[in-house]
Amino acid sequence: MRKEQVLTRMKEECLVAVVRAKNKEQGEKVIDAIITGGINFIEITMTMDEGNPVEFIQLMSEKYRNNDKVVIGAGTVLDPETARAVILAGANYVVSPGLNVETIKLCNRYRVPMLPGVMSPTEAITALEAGCDIIKVFPGNVVGPGAISSFKGPLPQGDFMPSGGVDVDNVDKWLKAGACAVGTGSSLTKGAATGDFEAVTAKAREFVEAVALARK
């Protein structure tokens, strides 16, 4: 999928599911449950307890290759070496908890969206200068929804996506504050800890409905 398509769809759908899988088997069930619930952007992190997360990204990319709705990305990418590996494995976008300009350059080289984590205007400006189209505000639970409008005051040209601390009860606050999308992880996937994947699907549906209401 082309970079422009990924960015446009991410802003249209407004939801990115962050999946921190224990292993491939659990991760696949979580992802299937999330997609069944209506969330199509899946961010697979590099923090898998067992197995190789890059191989898992490749597995999920191949599984959903013929599904035009599903967009697989990689999260917790800390360096350009990992970024290149996940891109070659099929990741359509790359997300990081921090700001690493060399990682941004690598993703730009392959025309893959890179969403770096920032907590300050200086970091946000650096990300914009490096060519990032969407900037991740992380951790969201530390700064709160007001951070989005604060960033967009001096940087109205920036698009910001919070991650961390986003749940069904506050997703409307983030979007109304000016976020172009939100990333959600533990709030969405906590049912997986007990093997309740139906709960994950139900929570995904709640998120989709909450976003739809917030955008009316």
C-alpha atoms as a PDB file:
ATOM      1  CA  MET A   1       0.000   0.000   0.000  1.00  0.00           C
ATOM      2  CA  ARG A   2       1.346   3.417  -0.956  1.00  0.00           C
ATOM      3  CA  LYS A   3       2.330   5.888   1.751  1.00  0.00           C
ATOM      4  CA  GLU A   4      -0.395   8.359   0.823  1.00  0.00           C
ATOM      5  CA  GLN A   5      -3.050   5.664   1.020  1.00  0.00           C
ATOM      6  CA  VAL A   6      -1.916   4.541   4.463  1.00  0.00           C
ATOM      7  CA  LEU A   7      -1.952   8.078   5.846  1.00  0.00           C
ATOM      8  CA  THR A   8      -5.327   8.932   4.325  1.00  0.00           C
ATOM      9  CA  ARG A   9      -6.966   5.788   5.636  1.00  0.00           C
ATOM     10  CA  MET A  10      -5.426   6.173   9.084  1.00  0.00           C
ATOM     11  CA  LYS A  11      -6.973   9.631   9.362  1.00  0.00           C
ATOM     12  CA  GLU A  12     -10.295   8.378   8.011  1.00  0.00           C
ATOM     13  CA  GLU A  13     -10.575   5.436  10.394  1.00  0.00           C
ATOM     14  CA  CYS A  14      -8.903   7.192  13.357  1.00  0.00           C
ATOM     15  CA  LEU A  15      -8.105   3.944  15.204  1.00  0.00           C
ATOM     16  CA  VAL A  16      -4.841   2.029  15.514  1.00  0.00           C
ATOM     17  CA  ALA A  17      -4.833  -1.155  17.615  1.00  0.00           C
ATOM     18  CA  VAL A  18      -1.547  -1.699  19.439  1.00  0.00           C
ATOM     19  CA  VAL A  19      -0.877  -5.432  19.843  1.00  0.00           C
ATOM     20  CA  ARG A  20       1.752  -6.551  22.359  1.00  0.00           C
ATOM     21  CA  ALA A  21       1.591 -10.288  21.781  1.00  0.00           C
ATOM     22  CA  LYS A  22       2.862 -12.932  24.179  1.00  0.00           C
ATOM     23  CA  ASN A  23       3.596 -15.237  21.242  1.00  0.00           C
ATOM     24  CA  LYS A  24       2.496 -15.826  17.660  1.00  0.00           C
ATOM     25  CA  GLU A  25      -0.472 -18.019  18.600  1.00  0.00           C
ATOM     26  CA  GLN A  26      -1.956 -15.547  21.057  1.00  0.00           C
ATOM     27  CA  GLY A  27      -1.077 -12.588  18.847  1.00  0.00           C
ATOM     28  CA  GLU A  28      -2.883 -14.029  15.841  1.00  0.00           C
ATOM     29  CA  LYS A  29      -6.034 -14.644  17.881  1.00  0.00           C
ATOM     30  CA  VAL A  30      -5.925 -11.098  19.240  1.00  0.00           C
ATOM     31  CA  ILE A  31      -5.488  -9.611  15.783  1.00  0.00           C
ATOM     32  CA  ASP A  32      -8.288 -11.719  14.313  1.00  0.00           C
ATOM     33  CA  ALA A  33     -10.570 -10.614  17.172  1.00  0.00           C
ATOM     34  CA  ILE A  34      -9.721  -6.940  16.689  1.00  0.00           C
ATOM     35  CA  ILE A  35     -10.327  -7.080  12.936  1.00  0.00           C
ATOM     36  CA  THR A  36     -13.627  -8.903  13.491  1.00  0.00           C
ATOM     37  CA  GLY A  37     -14.583  -5.983  15.748  1.00  0.00           C
ATOM     38  CA  GLY A  38     -13.978  -3.483  12.960  1.00  0.00           C
ATOM     39  CA  ILE A  39     -10.521  -2.028  13.615  1.00  0.00           C
ATOM     40  CA  ASN A  40      -8.306  -2.421  10.564  1.00  0.00           C
ATOM     41  CA  PHE A  41      -5.028  -0.745  11.552  1.00  0.00           C
ATOM     42  CA  ILE A  42      -2.915  -3.208  13.510  1.00  0.00           C
ATOM     43  CA  GLU A  43       0.376  -2.105  15.116  1.00  0.00           C
ATOM     44  CA  ILE A  44       2.422  -5.171  16.083  1.00  0.00           C
ATOM     45  CA  THR A  45       5.076  -4.230  18.612  1.00  0.00           C
ATOM     46  CA  MET A  46       8.634  -5.491  18.832  1.00  0.00           C
ATOM     47  CA  THR A  47       8.077  -6.526  22.461  1.00  0.00           C
ATOM     48  CA  MET A  48       6.868 -10.091  21.920  1.00  0.00           C
ATOM     49  CA  ASP A  49       7.666 -12.341  24.895  1.00  0.00           C
ATOM     50  CA  GLU A  50       8.247 -15.502  22.837  1.00  0.00           C
ATOM     51  CA  GLY A  51       9.288 -15.770  19.202  1.00  0.00           C
ATOM     52  CA  ASN A  52      10.431 -13.300  16.576  1.00  0.00           C
ATOM     53  CA  PRO A  53       8.149 -10.251  16.149  1.00  0.00           C
ATOM     54  CA  VAL A  54       9.528  -9.516  12.672  1.00  0.00           C
ATOM     55  CA  GLU A  55       8.542 -13.021  11.542  1.00  0.00           C
ATOM     56  CA  PHE A  56       5.123 -12.468  13.138  1.00  0.00           C
ATOM     57  CA  ILE A  57       4.645  -9.263  11.139  1.00  0.00           C
ATOM     58  CA  GLN A  58       5.506 -11.178   7.984  1.00  0.00           C
ATOM     59  CA  LEU A  59       3.022 -13.915   8.936  1.00  0.00           C
ATOM     60  CA  MET A  60       0.196 -11.434   9.513  1.00  0.00           C
ATOM     61  CA  SER A  61       1.079  -9.430   6.402  1.00  0.00           C
ATOM     62  CA  GLU A  62       0.831 -12.582   4.302  1.00  0.00           C
ATOM     63  CA  LYS A  63      -2.373 -13.715   6.012  1.00  0.00           C
ATOM     64  CA  TYR A  64      -4.149 -10.435   5.277  1.00  0.00           C
ATOM     65  CA  ARG A  65      -2.457  -9.666   1.961  1.00  0.00           C
ATOM     66  CA  ASN A  66      -5.708 -10.043   0.028  1.00  0.00           C
ATOM     67  CA  ASN A  67      -7.788  -8.073   2.525  1.00  0.00           C
ATOM     68  CA  ASP A  68      -7.740  -4.480   1.306  1.00  0.00           C
ATOM     69  CA  LYS A  69      -9.098  -3.163   4.608  1.00  0.00           C
ATOM     70  CA  VAL A  70      -6.387  -4.475   6.930  1.00  0.00           C
ATOM     71  CA  VAL A  71      -3.195  -2.443   7.325  1.00  0.00           C
ATOM     72  CA  ILE A  72      -0.365  -4.072   9.280  1.00  0.00           C
ATOM     73  CA  GLY A  73       2.283  -1.879  10.910  1.00  0.00           C
ATOM     74  CA  ALA A  74       5.152  -2.236  13.366  1.00  0.00           C
ATOM     75  CA  GLY A  75       5.464  -0.602  16.794  1.00  0.00           C
ATOM     76  CA  THR A  76       8.178  -0.049  19.389  1.00  0.00           C
ATOM     77  CA  VAL A  77      10.719   0.357  16.577  1.00  0.00           C
ATOM     78  CA  LEU A  78      13.778   1.955  18.154  1.00  0.00           C
ATOM     79  CA  ASP A  79      16.331   2.108  15.338  1.00  0.00           C
ATOM     80  CA  PRO A  80      16.721   2.131  11.538  1.00  0.00           C
ATOM     81  CA  GLU A  81      17.946  -1.474  11.436  1.00  0.00           C
ATOM     82  CA  THR A  82      14.694  -2.707  12.962  1.00  0.00           C
ATOM     83  CA  ALA A  83      12.693  -0.357  10.744  1.00  0.00           C
ATOM     84  CA  ARG A  84      14.220  -1.839   7.600  1.00  0.00           C
ATOM     85  CA  ALA A  85      13.588  -5.376   8.850  1.00  0.00           C
ATOM     86  CA  VAL A  86       9.899  -4.763   9.540  1.00  0.00           C
ATOM     87  CA  ILE A  87       9.396  -2.934   6.246  1.00  0.00           C
ATOM     88  CA  LEU A  88      10.885  -5.870   4.349  1.00  0.00           C
ATOM     89  CA  ALA A  89       8.588  -8.152   6.387  1.00  0.00           C
ATOM     90  CA  GLY A  90       5.558  -6.238   5.127  1.00  0.00           C
ATOM     91  CA  ALA A  91       4.890  -3.426   7.620  1.00  0.00           C
ATOM     92  CA  ASN A  92       2.966  -0.566   5.987  1.00  0.00           C
ATOM     93  CA  TYR A  93       3.863   1.951   8.690  1.00  0.00           C
ATOM     94  CA  VAL A  94       6.362   2.217  11.534  1.00  0.00           C
ATOM     95  CA  VAL A  95       5.740   3.566  15.046  1.00  0.00           C
ATOM     96  CA  SER A  96       8.216   4.376  17.818  1.00  0.00           C
ATOM     97  CA  PRO A  97       7.921   5.449  21.461  1.00  0.00           C
ATOM     98  CA  GLY A  98      10.647   8.030  20.858  1.00  0.00           C
ATOM     99  CA  LEU A  99      12.273  10.255  18.257  1.00  0.00           C
ATOM    100  CA  ASN A 100      15.159   8.886  16.199  1.00  0.00           C
ATOM    101  CA  VAL A 101      15.919  10.935  13.092  1.00  0.00           C
ATOM    102  CA  GLU A 102      17.903   8.144  11.433  1.00  0.00           C
ATOM    103  CA  THR A 103      14.888   5.849  11.699  1.00  0.00           C
ATOM    104  CA  ILE A 104      12.727   8.534  10.100  1.00  0.00           C
ATOM    105  CA  LYS A 105      15.239   8.895   7.251  1.00  0.00           C
ATOM    106  CA  LEU A 106      15.234   5.146   6.649  1.00  0.00           C
ATOM    107  CA  CYS A 107      11.426   5.058   6.467  1.00  0.00           C
ATOM    108  CA  ASN A 108      11.380   8.083   4.146  1.00  0.00           C
ATOM    109  CA  ARG A 109      13.827   6.271   1.874  1.00  0.00           C
ATOM    110  CA  TYR A 110      11.304   3.452   1.465  1.00  0.00           C
ATOM    111  CA  ARG A 111       8.303   5.837   1.500  1.00  0.00           C
ATOM    112  CA  VAL A 112       6.775   4.226   4.556  1.00  0.00           C
ATOM    113  CA  PRO A 113       4.985   6.435   7.129  1.00  0.00           C
ATOM    114  CA  MET A 114       6.960   6.837  10.345  1.00  0.00           C
ATOM    115  CA  LEU A 115       5.195   7.958  13.535  1.00  0.00           C
ATOM    116  CA  PRO A 116       7.771   8.965  16.177  1.00  0.00           C
ATOM    117  CA  GLY A 117       6.850   9.439  19.829  1.00  0.00           C
ATOM    118  CA  VAL A 118       7.219  12.987  21.162  1.00  0.00           C
ATOM    119  CA  MET A 119       6.485  14.832  24.397  1.00  0.00           C
ATOM    120  CA  SER A 120       7.739  18.334  23.624  1.00  0.00           C
ATOM    121  CA  PRO A 121       7.317  21.015  20.939  1.00  0.00           C
ATOM    122  CA  THR A 122      11.042  20.752  20.157  1.00  0.00           C
ATOM    123  CA  GLU A 123      10.686  17.035  19.393  1.00  0.00           C
ATOM    124  CA  ALA A 124       7.541  17.693  17.343  1.00  0.00           C
ATOM    125  CA  ILE A 125       9.314  20.354  15.271  1.00  0.00           C
ATOM    126  CA  THR A 126      12.261  17.999  14.690  1.00  0.00           C
ATOM    127  CA  ALA A 127       9.843  15.303  13.524  1.00  0.00           C
ATOM    128  CA  LEU A 128       8.118  17.701  11.122  1.00  0.00           C
ATOM    129  CA  GLU A 129      11.451  18.897   9.740  1.00  0.00           C
ATOM    130  CA  ALA A 130      12.486  15.270   9.202  1.00  0.00           C
ATOM    131  CA  GLY A 131       9.366  14.661   7.112  1.00  0.00           C
ATOM    132  CA  CYS A 132       6.900  12.942   9.476  1.00  0.00           C
ATOM    133  CA  ASP A 133       3.263  13.296   8.464  1.00  0.00           C
ATOM    134  CA  ILE A 134       1.702  12.037  11.717  1.00  0.00           C
ATOM    135  CA  ILE A 135       3.390  12.447  15.088  1.00  0.00           C
ATOM    136  CA  LYS A 136       2.681  10.162  18.038  1.00  0.00           C
ATOM    137  CA  VAL A 137       2.113  11.858  21.392  1.00  0.00           C
ATOM    138  CA  PHE A 138       3.394   9.370  23.951  1.00  0.00           C
ATOM    139  CA  PRO A 139       2.659   8.461  26.660  1.00  0.00           C
ATOM    140  CA  GLY A 140      -0.818   9.923  26.287  1.00  0.00           C
ATOM    141  CA  ASN A 141      -1.852   9.109  29.849  1.00  0.00           C
ATOM    142  CA  VAL A 142       0.887  11.399  31.162  1.00  0.00           C
ATOM    143  CA  VAL A 143      -0.048  14.496  29.156  1.00  0.00           C
ATOM    144  CA  GLY A 144      -3.812  14.076  28.616  1.00  0.00           C
ATOM    145  CA  PRO A 145      -6.042  15.244  25.725  1.00  0.00           C
ATOM    146  CA  GLY A 146      -5.200  18.901  26.333  1.00  0.00           C
ATOM    147  CA  ALA A 147      -1.716  18.229  24.971  1.00  0.00           C
ATOM    148  CA  ILE A 148      -3.105  17.856  21.451  1.00  0.00           C
ATOM    149  CA  SER A 149      -4.611  21.334  21.325  1.00  0.00           C
ATOM    150  CA  SER A 150      -1.464  22.694  22.997  1.00  0.00           C
ATOM    151  CA  PHE A 151       0.719  21.166  20.267  1.00  0.00           C
ATOM    152  CA  LYS A 152      -1.581  22.357  17.498  1.00  0.00           C
ATOM    153  CA  GLY A 153      -1.565  25.936  18.813  1.00  0.00           C
ATOM    154  CA  PRO A 154       1.982  26.726  17.642  1.00  0.00           C
ATOM    155  CA  LEU A 155       2.070  23.808  15.156  1.00  0.00           C
ATOM    156  CA  PRO A 156      -1.294  23.845  13.335  1.00  0.00           C
ATOM    157  CA  GLN A 157       0.347  22.141  10.356  1.00  0.00           C
ATOM    158  CA  GLY A 158       1.042  19.028  12.451  1.00  0.00           C
ATOM    159  CA  ASP A 159      -1.110  15.918  12.711  1.00  0.00           C
ATOM    160  CA  PHE A 160      -0.946  14.225  16.119  1.00  0.00           C
ATOM    161  CA  MET A 161      -1.954  10.745  17.309  1.00  0.00           C
ATOM    162  CA  PRO A 162      -1.940   9.948  21.042  1.00  0.00           C
ATOM    163  CA  SER A 163      -1.071   6.473  22.282  1.00  0.00           C
ATOM    164  CA  GLY A 164      -1.110   5.207  25.852  1.00  0.00           C
ATOM    165  CA  GLY A 165      -4.064   5.818  28.136  1.00  0.00           C
ATOM    166  CA  VAL A 166      -6.638   5.988  25.336  1.00  0.00           C
ATOM    167  CA  ASP A 167      -9.854   4.139  26.136  1.00  0.00           C
ATOM    168  CA  VAL A 168     -13.506   4.074  25.091  1.00  0.00           C
ATOM    169  CA  ASP A 169     -14.436   6.635  27.756  1.00  0.00           C
ATOM    170  CA  ASN A 170     -11.964   9.299  26.633  1.00  0.00           C
ATOM    171  CA  VAL A 171     -11.437   8.705  22.919  1.00  0.00           C
ATOM    172  CA  ASP A 172     -13.940  11.482  22.147  1.00  0.00           C
ATOM    173  CA  LYS A 173     -11.883  13.953  24.202  1.00  0.00           C
ATOM    174  CA  TRP A 174      -8.731  13.148  22.231  1.00  0.00           C
ATOM    175  CA  LEU A 175     -10.455  13.532  18.860  1.00  0.00           C
ATOM    176  CA  LYS A 176     -12.273  16.717  19.841  1.00  0.00           C
ATOM    177  CA  ALA A 177      -8.955  18.139  21.073  1.00  0.00           C
ATOM    178  CA  GLY A 178      -7.638  17.765  17.512  1.00  0.00           C
ATOM    179  CA  ALA A 179      -6.068  14.305  17.300  1.00  0.00           C
ATOM    180  CA  CYS A 180      -6.146  12.917  13.761  1.00  0.00           C
ATOM    181  CA  ALA A 181      -6.233   9.341  15.112  1.00  0.00           C
ATOM    182  CA  VAL A 182      -5.645   7.430  18.347  1.00  0.00           C
ATOM    183  CA  GLY A 183      -3.643   4.367  19.285  1.00  0.00           C
ATOM    184  CA  THR A 184      -5.033   2.001  21.901  1.00  0.00           C
ATOM    185  CA  GLY A 185      -3.524  -1.144  23.369  1.00  0.00           C
ATOM    186  CA  SER A 186      -4.168  -2.591  26.823  1.00  0.00           C
ATOM    187  CA  SER A 187      -7.651  -1.088  27.104  1.00  0.00           C
ATOM    188  CA  LEU A 188      -8.610  -2.885  23.901  1.00  0.00           C
ATOM    189  CA  THR A 189      -6.824  -6.211  24.339  1.00  0.00           C
ATOM    190  CA  LYS A 190      -7.047  -6.948  28.085  1.00  0.00           C
ATOM    191  CA  GLY A 191      -9.539  -9.788  27.485  1.00  0.00           C
ATOM    192  CA  ALA A 192      -6.764 -11.734  25.770  1.00  0.00           C
ATOM    193  CA  ALA A 193      -4.966 -12.214  29.097  1.00  0.00           C
ATOM    194  CA  THR A 194      -7.675 -14.684  30.123  1.00  0.00           C
ATOM    195  CA  GLY A 195      -8.266 -16.082  26.632  1.00  0.00           C
ATOM    196  CA  ASP A 196     -11.495 -14.099  26.209  1.00  0.00           C
ATOM    197  CA  PHE A 197     -11.070 -13.051  22.598  1.00  0.00           C
ATOM    198  CA  GLU A 198     -14.788 -12.351  22.243  1.00  0.00           C
ATOM    199  CA  ALA A 199     -14.279  -9.570  24.786  1.00  0.00           C
ATOM    200  CA  VAL A 200     -11.543  -8.137  22.544  1.00  0.00           C
ATOM    201  CA  THR A 201     -13.949  -8.137  19.600  1.00  0.00           C
ATOM    202  CA  ALA A 202     -16.653  -6.492  21.710  1.00  0.00           C
ATOM    203  CA  LYS A 203     -14.255  -3.801  22.916  1.00  0.00           C
ATOM    204  CA  ALA A 204     -13.099  -3.138  19.342  1.00  0.00           C
ATOM    205  CA  ARG A 205     -16.725  -2.572  18.334  1.00  0.00           C
ATOM    206  CA  GLU A 206     -17.144  -0.167  21.262  1.00  0.00           C
ATOM    207  CA  PHE A 207     -14.121   1.808  20.078  1.00  0.00           C
ATOM    208  CA  VAL A 208     -15.434   1.985  16.511  1.00  0.00           C
ATOM    209  CA  GLU A 209     -18.795   3.233  17.766  1.00  0.00           C
ATOM    210  CA  ALA A 210     -17.191   5.756  20.124  1.00  0.00           C
ATOM    211  CA  VAL A 211     -15.070   7.193  17.312  1.00  0.00           C
ATOM    212  CA  ALA A 212     -18.091   7.442  15.019  1.00  0.00           C
ATOM    213  CA  LEU A 213     -20.021   9.352  17.680  1.00  0.00           C
ATOM    214  CA  ALA A 214     -17.097  11.658  18.422  1.00  0.00           C
ATOM    215  CA  ARG A 215     -16.782  12.605  14.755  1.00  0.00           C
ATOM    216  CA  LYS A 216     -20.444  13.565  14.269  1.00  0.00           C
END
